[in-house]
Amino acid sequence: MRDFLEIKVKRGRENWSFIYTIFAILLAVVIFVVSVLEIGRVAKIIVGFFVVIFVTYLCLWNATFQNKLIGLKIRLEENWKRLL
């Protein structure tokens, strides 16, 4: 029975906007951290390349991490509503 079922999660425009925003923030932080490391220029490029690939994988292709981000978004919205 399980072989015939296919589960797909649909994400709306609002959720993807949040994921892209977090992706951009994470990339900016990661690039900054790599740029201030006291290692050689070639090593910075190599480390930066792999870290950018990893962050891209997490934010854009890993469904579990995306679900965590959406959970964070929901919690932030709930807390914001309580403050208002």
PDB file of N, CA and C in Angstrom:
ATOM      1  N   MET A   1       0.826  -1.190   0.000  1.00  0.00           N
ATOM      2  CA  MET A   1       0.000   0.000   0.000  1.00  0.00           C
ATOM      3  C   MET A   1       0.871   1.255   0.000  1.00  0.00           C
ATOM      4  N   ARG A   2       1.952   1.224   0.769  1.00  0.00           N
ATOM      5  CA  ARG A   2       2.807   2.385   0.881  1.00  0.00           C
ATOM      6  C   ARG A   2       3.526   2.697  -0.433  1.00  0.00           C
ATOM      7  N   ASP A   3       3.740   1.695  -1.250  1.00  0.00           N
ATOM      8  CA  ASP A   3       4.414   1.917  -2.525  1.00  0.00           C
ATOM      9  C   ASP A   3       3.586   2.774  -3.474  1.00  0.00           C
ATOM     10  N   PHE A   4       2.289   2.755  -3.313  1.00  0.00           N
ATOM     11  CA  PHE A   4       1.412   3.494  -4.212  1.00  0.00           C
ATOM     12  C   PHE A   4       1.152   4.927  -3.748  1.00  0.00           C
ATOM     13  N   LEU A   5       1.470   5.202  -2.492  1.00  0.00           N
ATOM     14  CA  LEU A   5       1.230   6.533  -1.958  1.00  0.00           C
ATOM     15  C   LEU A   5       2.470   7.400  -2.139  1.00  0.00           C
ATOM     16  N   GLU A   6       2.246   8.582  -2.567  1.00  0.00           N
ATOM     17  CA  GLU A   6       3.334   9.536  -2.697  1.00  0.00           C
ATOM     18  C   GLU A   6       2.929  10.793  -1.963  1.00  0.00           C
ATOM     19  N   ILE A   7       3.749  11.186  -1.023  1.00  0.00           N
ATOM     20  CA  ILE A   7       3.447  12.358  -0.214  1.00  0.00           C
ATOM     21  C   ILE A   7       4.260  13.527  -0.745  1.00  0.00           C
ATOM     22  N   LYS A   8       3.573  14.612  -1.035  1.00  0.00           N
ATOM     23  CA  LYS A   8       4.240  15.827  -1.460  1.00  0.00           C
ATOM     24  C   LYS A   8       3.752  16.971  -0.590  1.00  0.00           C
ATOM     25  N   VAL A   9       4.694  17.758  -0.112  1.00  0.00           N
ATOM     26  CA  VAL A   9       4.358  18.915   0.699  1.00  0.00           C
ATOM     27  C   VAL A   9       4.372  20.131  -0.213  1.00  0.00           C
ATOM     28  N   LYS A  10       3.293  20.858  -0.205  1.00  0.00           N
ATOM     29  CA  LYS A  10       3.226  22.073  -1.004  1.00  0.00           C
ATOM     30  C   LYS A  10       3.482  23.258  -0.083  1.00  0.00           C
ATOM     31  N   ARG A  11       4.330  24.120  -0.538  1.00  0.00           N
ATOM     32  CA  ARG A  11       4.646  25.304   0.242  1.00  0.00           C
ATOM     33  C   ARG A  11       4.147  26.523  -0.528  1.00  0.00           C
ATOM     34  N   GLY A  12       3.497  27.403   0.192  1.00  0.00           N
ATOM     35  CA  GLY A  12       2.968  28.605  -0.431  1.00  0.00           C
ATOM     36  C   GLY A  12       4.046  29.645  -0.650  1.00  0.00           C
ATOM     37  N   ARG A  13       3.669  30.689  -1.329  1.00  0.00           N
ATOM     38  CA  ARG A  13       4.595  31.775  -1.651  1.00  0.00           C
ATOM     39  C   ARG A  13       5.150  32.422  -0.383  1.00  0.00           C
ATOM     40  N   GLU A  14       4.307  32.570   0.627  1.00  0.00           N
ATOM     41  CA  GLU A  14       4.735  33.199   1.876  1.00  0.00           C
ATOM     42  C   GLU A  14       5.807  32.361   2.576  1.00  0.00           C
ATOM     43  N   ASN A  15       5.621  31.046   2.595  1.00  0.00           N
ATOM     44  CA  ASN A  15       6.597  30.172   3.225  1.00  0.00           C
ATOM     45  C   ASN A  15       7.917  30.168   2.461  1.00  0.00           C
ATOM     46  N   TRP A  16       7.847  30.145   1.134  1.00  0.00           N
ATOM     47  CA  TRP A  16       9.087  30.174   0.345  1.00  0.00           C
ATOM     48  C   TRP A  16       9.797  31.501   0.520  1.00  0.00           C
ATOM     49  N   SER A  17       9.069  32.586   0.669  1.00  0.00           N
ATOM     50  CA  SER A  17       9.699  33.881   0.916  1.00  0.00           C
ATOM     51  C   SER A  17      10.478  33.855   2.221  1.00  0.00           C
ATOM     52  N   PHE A  18       9.900  33.244   3.237  1.00  0.00           N
ATOM     53  CA  PHE A  18      10.589  33.127   4.523  1.00  0.00           C
ATOM     54  C   PHE A  18      11.837  32.268   4.381  1.00  0.00           C
ATOM     55  N   ILE A  19      11.734  31.142   3.675  1.00  0.00           N
ATOM     56  CA  ILE A  19      12.881  30.254   3.490  1.00  0.00           C
ATOM     57  C   ILE A  19      13.987  30.980   2.730  1.00  0.00           C
ATOM     58  N   TYR A  20      13.648  31.721   1.678  1.00  0.00           N
ATOM     59  CA  TYR A  20      14.658  32.460   0.918  1.00  0.00           C
ATOM     60  C   TYR A  20      15.295  33.561   1.767  1.00  0.00           C
ATOM     61  N   THR A  21      14.516  34.198   2.627  1.00  0.00           N
ATOM     62  CA  THR A  21      15.054  35.230   3.509  1.00  0.00           C
ATOM     63  C   THR A  21      16.066  34.633   4.480  1.00  0.00           C
ATOM     64  N   ILE A  22      15.704  33.518   5.101  1.00  0.00           N
ATOM     65  CA  ILE A  22      16.623  32.838   6.017  1.00  0.00           C
ATOM     66  C   ILE A  22      17.861  32.372   5.256  1.00  0.00           C
ATOM     67  N   PHE A  23      17.674  31.871   4.044  1.00  0.00           N
ATOM     68  CA  PHE A  23      18.785  31.440   3.206  1.00  0.00           C
ATOM     69  C   PHE A  23      19.757  32.597   2.959  1.00  0.00           C
ATOM     70  N   ALA A  24      19.230  33.760   2.614  1.00  0.00           N
ATOM     71  CA  ALA A  24      20.074  34.929   2.353  1.00  0.00           C
ATOM     72  C   ALA A  24      20.810  35.375   3.618  1.00  0.00           C
ATOM     73  N   ILE A  25      20.124  35.356   4.753  1.00  0.00           N
ATOM     74  CA  ILE A  25      20.762  35.746   6.015  1.00  0.00           C
ATOM     75  C   ILE A  25      21.874  34.774   6.374  1.00  0.00           C
ATOM     76  N   LEU A  26      21.590  33.470   6.258  1.00  0.00           N
ATOM     77  CA  LEU A  26      22.610  32.469   6.558  1.00  0.00           C
ATOM     78  C   LEU A  26      23.815  32.598   5.626  1.00  0.00           C
ATOM     79  N   LEU A  27      23.568  32.821   4.342  1.00  0.00           N
ATOM     80  CA  LEU A  27      24.673  32.998   3.404  1.00  0.00           C
ATOM     81  C   LEU A  27      25.520  34.213   3.770  1.00  0.00           C
ATOM     82  N   ALA A  28      24.880  35.308   4.120  1.00  0.00           N
ATOM     83  CA  ALA A  28      25.620  36.515   4.486  1.00  0.00           C
ATOM     84  C   ALA A  28      26.486  36.267   5.720  1.00  0.00           C
ATOM     85  N   VAL A  29      25.925  35.613   6.716  1.00  0.00           N
ATOM     86  CA  VAL A  29      26.676  35.325   7.945  1.00  0.00           C
ATOM     87  C   VAL A  29      27.840  34.389   7.653  1.00  0.00           C
ATOM     88  N   VAL A  30      27.577  33.338   6.884  1.00  0.00           N
ATOM     89  CA  VAL A  30      28.611  32.354   6.571  1.00  0.00           C
ATOM     90  C   VAL A  30      29.738  32.996   5.758  1.00  0.00           C
ATOM     91  N   ILE A  31      29.396  33.787   4.779  1.00  0.00           N
ATOM     92  CA  ILE A  31      30.424  34.435   3.956  1.00  0.00           C
ATOM     93  C   ILE A  31      31.242  35.405   4.799  1.00  0.00           C
ATOM     94  N   PHE A  32      30.595  36.116   5.704  1.00  0.00           N
ATOM     95  CA  PHE A  32      31.324  37.017   6.597  1.00  0.00           C
ATOM     96  C   PHE A  32      32.285  36.237   7.483  1.00  0.00           C
ATOM     97  N   VAL A  33      31.805  35.159   8.091  1.00  0.00           N
ATOM     98  CA  VAL A  33      32.656  34.369   8.985  1.00  0.00           C
ATOM     99  C   VAL A  33      33.851  33.795   8.232  1.00  0.00           C
ATOM    100  N   VAL A  34      33.613  33.263   7.050  1.00  0.00           N
ATOM    101  CA  VAL A  34      34.717  32.711   6.262  1.00  0.00           C
ATOM    102  C   VAL A  34      35.696  33.813   5.871  1.00  0.00           C
ATOM    103  N   SER A  35      35.194  34.994   5.576  1.00  0.00           N
ATOM    104  CA  SER A  35      36.080  36.080   5.142  1.00  0.00           C
ATOM    105  C   SER A  35      36.990  36.577   6.260  1.00  0.00           C
ATOM    106  N   VAL A  36      36.570  36.453   7.515  1.00  0.00           N
ATOM    107  CA  VAL A  36      37.403  36.933   8.618  1.00  0.00           C
ATOM    108  C   VAL A  36      38.310  35.843   9.196  1.00  0.00           C
ATOM    109  N   LEU A  37      38.207  34.630   8.692  1.00  0.00           N
ATOM    110  CA  LEU A  37      39.106  33.573   9.150  1.00  0.00           C
ATOM    111  C   LEU A  37      40.537  33.910   8.760  1.00  0.00           C
ATOM    112  N   GLU A  38      41.450  33.566   9.633  1.00  0.00           N
ATOM    113  CA  GLU A  38      42.852  33.847   9.352  1.00  0.00           C
ATOM    114  C   GLU A  38      43.498  32.637   8.685  1.00  0.00           C
ATOM    115  N   ILE A  39      43.076  32.398   7.472  1.00  0.00           N
ATOM    116  CA  ILE A  39      43.652  31.338   6.651  1.00  0.00           C
ATOM    117  C   ILE A  39      43.957  31.925   5.283  1.00  0.00           C
ATOM    118  N   GLY A  40      44.632  31.182   4.470  1.00  0.00           N
ATOM    119  CA  GLY A  40      45.010  31.676   3.147  1.00  0.00           C
ATOM    120  C   GLY A  40      43.816  31.916   2.243  1.00  0.00           C
ATOM    121  N   ARG A  41      44.060  32.682   1.198  1.00  0.00           N
ATOM    122  CA  ARG A  41      42.991  33.045   0.266  1.00  0.00           C
ATOM    123  C   ARG A  41      42.391  31.812  -0.413  1.00  0.00           C
ATOM    124  N   VAL A  42      43.234  30.882  -0.836  1.00  0.00           N
ATOM    125  CA  VAL A  42      42.741  29.673  -1.497  1.00  0.00           C
ATOM    126  C   VAL A  42      41.920  28.835  -0.527  1.00  0.00           C
ATOM    127  N   ALA A  43      42.374  28.741   0.708  1.00  0.00           N
ATOM    128  CA  ALA A  43      41.631  27.987   1.718  1.00  0.00           C
ATOM    129  C   ALA A  43      40.272  28.641   1.988  1.00  0.00           C
ATOM    130  N   LYS A  44      40.228  29.971   2.015  1.00  0.00           N
ATOM    131  CA  LYS A  44      38.951  30.673   2.208  1.00  0.00           C
ATOM    132  C   LYS A  44      37.983  30.360   1.069  1.00  0.00           C
ATOM    133  N   ILE A  45      38.506  30.346  -0.148  1.00  0.00           N
ATOM    134  CA  ILE A  45      37.652  30.055  -1.302  1.00  0.00           C
ATOM    135  C   ILE A  45      37.102  28.637  -1.217  1.00  0.00           C
ATOM    136  N   ILE A  46      37.958  27.685  -0.859  1.00  0.00           N
ATOM    137  CA  ILE A  46      37.530  26.280  -0.768  1.00  0.00           C
ATOM    138  C   ILE A  46      36.525  26.098   0.358  1.00  0.00           C
ATOM    139  N   VAL A  47      36.831  26.631   1.533  1.00  0.00           N
ATOM    140  CA  VAL A  47      35.907  26.518   2.674  1.00  0.00           C
ATOM    141  C   VAL A  47      34.598  27.222   2.357  1.00  0.00           C
ATOM    142  N   GLY A  48      34.693  28.415   1.803  1.00  0.00           N
ATOM    143  CA  GLY A  48      33.483  29.168   1.447  1.00  0.00           C
ATOM    144  C   GLY A  48      32.620  28.423   0.447  1.00  0.00           C
ATOM    145  N   PHE A  49      33.242  27.812  -0.546  1.00  0.00           N
ATOM    146  CA  PHE A  49      32.502  27.056  -1.543  1.00  0.00           C
ATOM    147  C   PHE A  49      31.708  25.917  -0.900  1.00  0.00           C
ATOM    148  N   PHE A  50      32.370  25.133  -0.061  1.00  0.00           N
ATOM    149  CA  PHE A  50      31.691  23.994   0.553  1.00  0.00           C
ATOM    150  C   PHE A  50      30.620  24.416   1.553  1.00  0.00           C
ATOM    151  N   VAL A  51      30.869  25.491   2.264  1.00  0.00           N
ATOM    152  CA  VAL A  51      29.872  25.969   3.230  1.00  0.00           C
ATOM    153  C   VAL A  51      28.646  26.526   2.498  1.00  0.00           C
ATOM    154  N   VAL A  52      28.862  27.229   1.400  1.00  0.00           N
ATOM    155  CA  VAL A  52      27.733  27.745   0.612  1.00  0.00           C
ATOM    156  C   VAL A  52      26.925  26.592   0.031  1.00  0.00           C
ATOM    157  N   ILE A  53      27.597  25.564  -0.459  1.00  0.00           N
ATOM    158  CA  ILE A  53      26.893  24.378  -0.964  1.00  0.00           C
ATOM    159  C   ILE A  53      26.078  23.734   0.153  1.00  0.00           C
ATOM    160  N   PHE A  54      26.648  23.636   1.350  1.00  0.00           N
ATOM    161  CA  PHE A  54      25.946  23.019   2.481  1.00  0.00           C
ATOM    162  C   PHE A  54      24.719  23.832   2.882  1.00  0.00           C
ATOM    163  N   VAL A  55      24.863  25.150   2.973  1.00  0.00           N
ATOM    164  CA  VAL A  55      23.725  26.011   3.344  1.00  0.00           C
ATOM    165  C   VAL A  55      22.644  25.947   2.261  1.00  0.00           C
ATOM    166  N   THR A  56      23.063  25.917   1.005  1.00  0.00           N
ATOM    167  CA  THR A  56      22.103  25.796  -0.097  1.00  0.00           C
ATOM    168  C   THR A  56      21.340  24.485   0.006  1.00  0.00           C
ATOM    169  N   TYR A  57      22.053  23.404   0.277  1.00  0.00           N
ATOM    170  CA  TYR A  57      21.394  22.105   0.445  1.00  0.00           C
ATOM    171  C   TYR A  57      20.387  22.150   1.587  1.00  0.00           C
ATOM    172  N   LEU A  58      20.813  22.682   2.734  1.00  0.00           N
ATOM    173  CA  LEU A  58      19.908  22.727   3.887  1.00  0.00           C
ATOM    174  C   LEU A  58      18.639  23.517   3.591  1.00  0.00           C
ATOM    175  N   CYS A  59      18.803  24.713   3.060  1.00  0.00           N
ATOM    176  CA  CYS A  59      17.646  25.601   2.903  1.00  0.00           C
ATOM    177  C   CYS A  59      16.756  25.254   1.716  1.00  0.00           C
ATOM    178  N   LEU A  60      17.336  24.779   0.629  1.00  0.00           N
ATOM    179  CA  LEU A  60      16.545  24.623  -0.589  1.00  0.00           C
ATOM    180  C   LEU A  60      16.184  23.184  -0.918  1.00  0.00           C
ATOM    181  N   TRP A  61      16.927  22.195  -0.408  1.00  0.00           N
ATOM    182  CA  TRP A  61      16.647  20.813  -0.802  1.00  0.00           C
ATOM    183  C   TRP A  61      16.321  19.880   0.345  1.00  0.00           C
ATOM    184  N   ASN A  62      16.609  20.263   1.575  1.00  0.00           N
ATOM    185  CA  ASN A  62      16.380  19.379   2.708  1.00  0.00           C
ATOM    186  C   ASN A  62      15.003  19.674   3.313  1.00  0.00           C
ATOM    187  N   ALA A  63      14.074  18.758   3.118  1.00  0.00           N
ATOM    188  CA  ALA A  63      12.691  18.980   3.570  1.00  0.00           C
ATOM    189  C   ALA A  63      12.599  19.055   5.090  1.00  0.00           C
ATOM    190  N   THR A  64      13.425  18.293   5.795  1.00  0.00           N
ATOM    191  CA  THR A  64      13.379  18.324   7.258  1.00  0.00           C
ATOM    192  C   THR A  64      13.782  19.707   7.772  1.00  0.00           C
ATOM    193  N   PHE A  65      14.838  20.273   7.219  1.00  0.00           N
ATOM    194  CA  PHE A  65      15.272  21.606   7.637  1.00  0.00           C
ATOM    195  C   PHE A  65      14.236  22.653   7.249  1.00  0.00           C
ATOM    196  N   GLN A  66      13.627  22.501   6.085  1.00  0.00           N
ATOM    197  CA  GLN A  66      12.578  23.431   5.669  1.00  0.00           C
ATOM    198  C   GLN A  66      11.398  23.379   6.642  1.00  0.00           C
ATOM    199  N   ASN A  67      11.048  22.168   7.093  1.00  0.00           N
ATOM    200  CA  ASN A  67       9.972  22.036   8.074  1.00  0.00           C
ATOM    201  C   ASN A  67      10.333  22.730   9.376  1.00  0.00           C
ATOM    202  N   LYS A  68      11.597  22.641   9.789  1.00  0.00           N
ATOM    203  CA  LYS A  68      12.055  23.336  11.003  1.00  0.00           C
ATOM    204  C   LYS A  68      11.929  24.851  10.811  1.00  0.00           C
ATOM    205  N   LEU A  69      12.299  25.331   9.632  1.00  0.00           N
ATOM    206  CA  LEU A  69      12.184  26.766   9.361  1.00  0.00           C
ATOM    207  C   LEU A  69      10.726  27.225   9.386  1.00  0.00           C
ATOM    208  N   ILE A  70       9.838  26.428   8.817  1.00  0.00           N
ATOM    209  CA  ILE A  70       8.417  26.782   8.824  1.00  0.00           C
ATOM    210  C   ILE A  70       7.878  26.756  10.261  1.00  0.00           C
ATOM    211  N   GLY A  71       8.333  25.791  11.060  1.00  0.00           N
ATOM    212  CA  GLY A  71       7.963  25.765  12.478  1.00  0.00           C
ATOM    213  C   GLY A  71       8.437  27.018  13.189  1.00  0.00           C
ATOM    214  N   LEU A  72       9.653  27.462  12.886  1.00  0.00           N
ATOM    215  CA  LEU A  72      10.176  28.697  13.463  1.00  0.00           C
ATOM    216  C   LEU A  72       9.323  29.883  13.037  1.00  0.00           C
ATOM    217  N   LYS A  73       8.942  29.918  11.773  1.00  0.00           N
ATOM    218  CA  LYS A  73       8.099  31.008  11.255  1.00  0.00           C
ATOM    219  C   LYS A  73       6.763  31.048  11.993  1.00  0.00           C
ATOM    220  N   ILE A  74       6.165  29.894  12.196  1.00  0.00           N
ATOM    221  CA  ILE A  74       4.870  29.825  12.887  1.00  0.00           C
ATOM    222  C   ILE A  74       5.008  30.314  14.327  1.00  0.00           C
ATOM    223  N   ARG A  75       6.071  29.878  15.017  1.00  0.00           N
ATOM    224  CA  ARG A  75       6.297  30.335  16.391  1.00  0.00           C
ATOM    225  C   ARG A  75       6.529  31.837  16.456  1.00  0.00           C
ATOM    226  N   LEU A  76       7.305  32.369  15.514  1.00  0.00           N
ATOM    227  CA  LEU A  76       7.536  33.813  15.492  1.00  0.00           C
ATOM    228  C   LEU A  76       6.245  34.588  15.263  1.00  0.00           C
ATOM    229  N   GLU A  77       5.404  34.093  14.354  1.00  0.00           N
ATOM    230  CA  GLU A  77       4.117  34.758  14.100  1.00  0.00           C
ATOM    231  C   GLU A  77       3.220  34.709  15.324  1.00  0.00           C
ATOM    232  N   GLU A  78       3.190  33.570  16.010  1.00  0.00           N
ATOM    233  CA  GLU A  78       2.361  33.450  17.219  1.00  0.00           C
ATOM    234  C   GLU A  78       2.852  34.399  18.308  1.00  0.00           C
ATOM    235  N   ASN A  79       4.167  34.466  18.500  1.00  0.00           N
ATOM    236  CA  ASN A  79       4.715  35.379  19.519  1.00  0.00           C
ATOM    237  C   ASN A  79       4.458  36.828  19.153  1.00  0.00           C
ATOM    238  N   TRP A  80       4.552  37.163  17.873  1.00  0.00           N
ATOM    239  CA  TRP A  80       4.291  38.529  17.437  1.00  0.00           C
ATOM    240  C   TRP A  80       2.839  38.914  17.684  1.00  0.00           C
ATOM    241  N   LYS A  81       1.912  37.980  17.435  1.00  0.00           N
ATOM    242  CA  LYS A  81       0.490  38.255  17.659  1.00  0.00           C
ATOM    243  C   LYS A  81       0.210  38.466  19.139  1.00  0.00           C
ATOM    244  N   ARG A  82       0.921  37.727  20.008  1.00  0.00           N
ATOM    245  CA  ARG A  82       0.720  37.901  21.449  1.00  0.00           C
ATOM    246  C   ARG A  82       1.213  39.261  21.910  1.00  0.00           C
ATOM    247  N   LEU A  83       2.281  39.771  21.280  1.00  0.00           N
ATOM    248  CA  LEU A  83       2.808  41.063  21.669  1.00  0.00           C
ATOM    249  C   LEU A  83       1.878  42.197  21.275  1.00  0.00           C
ATOM    250  N   LEU A  84       1.162  42.016  20.180  1.00  0.00           N
ATOM    251  CA  LEU A  84       0.251  43.066  19.726  1.00  0.00           C
ATOM    252  C   LEU A  84      -1.028  42.910  20.433  1.00  0.00           C
TER     253      LEU A  84
END
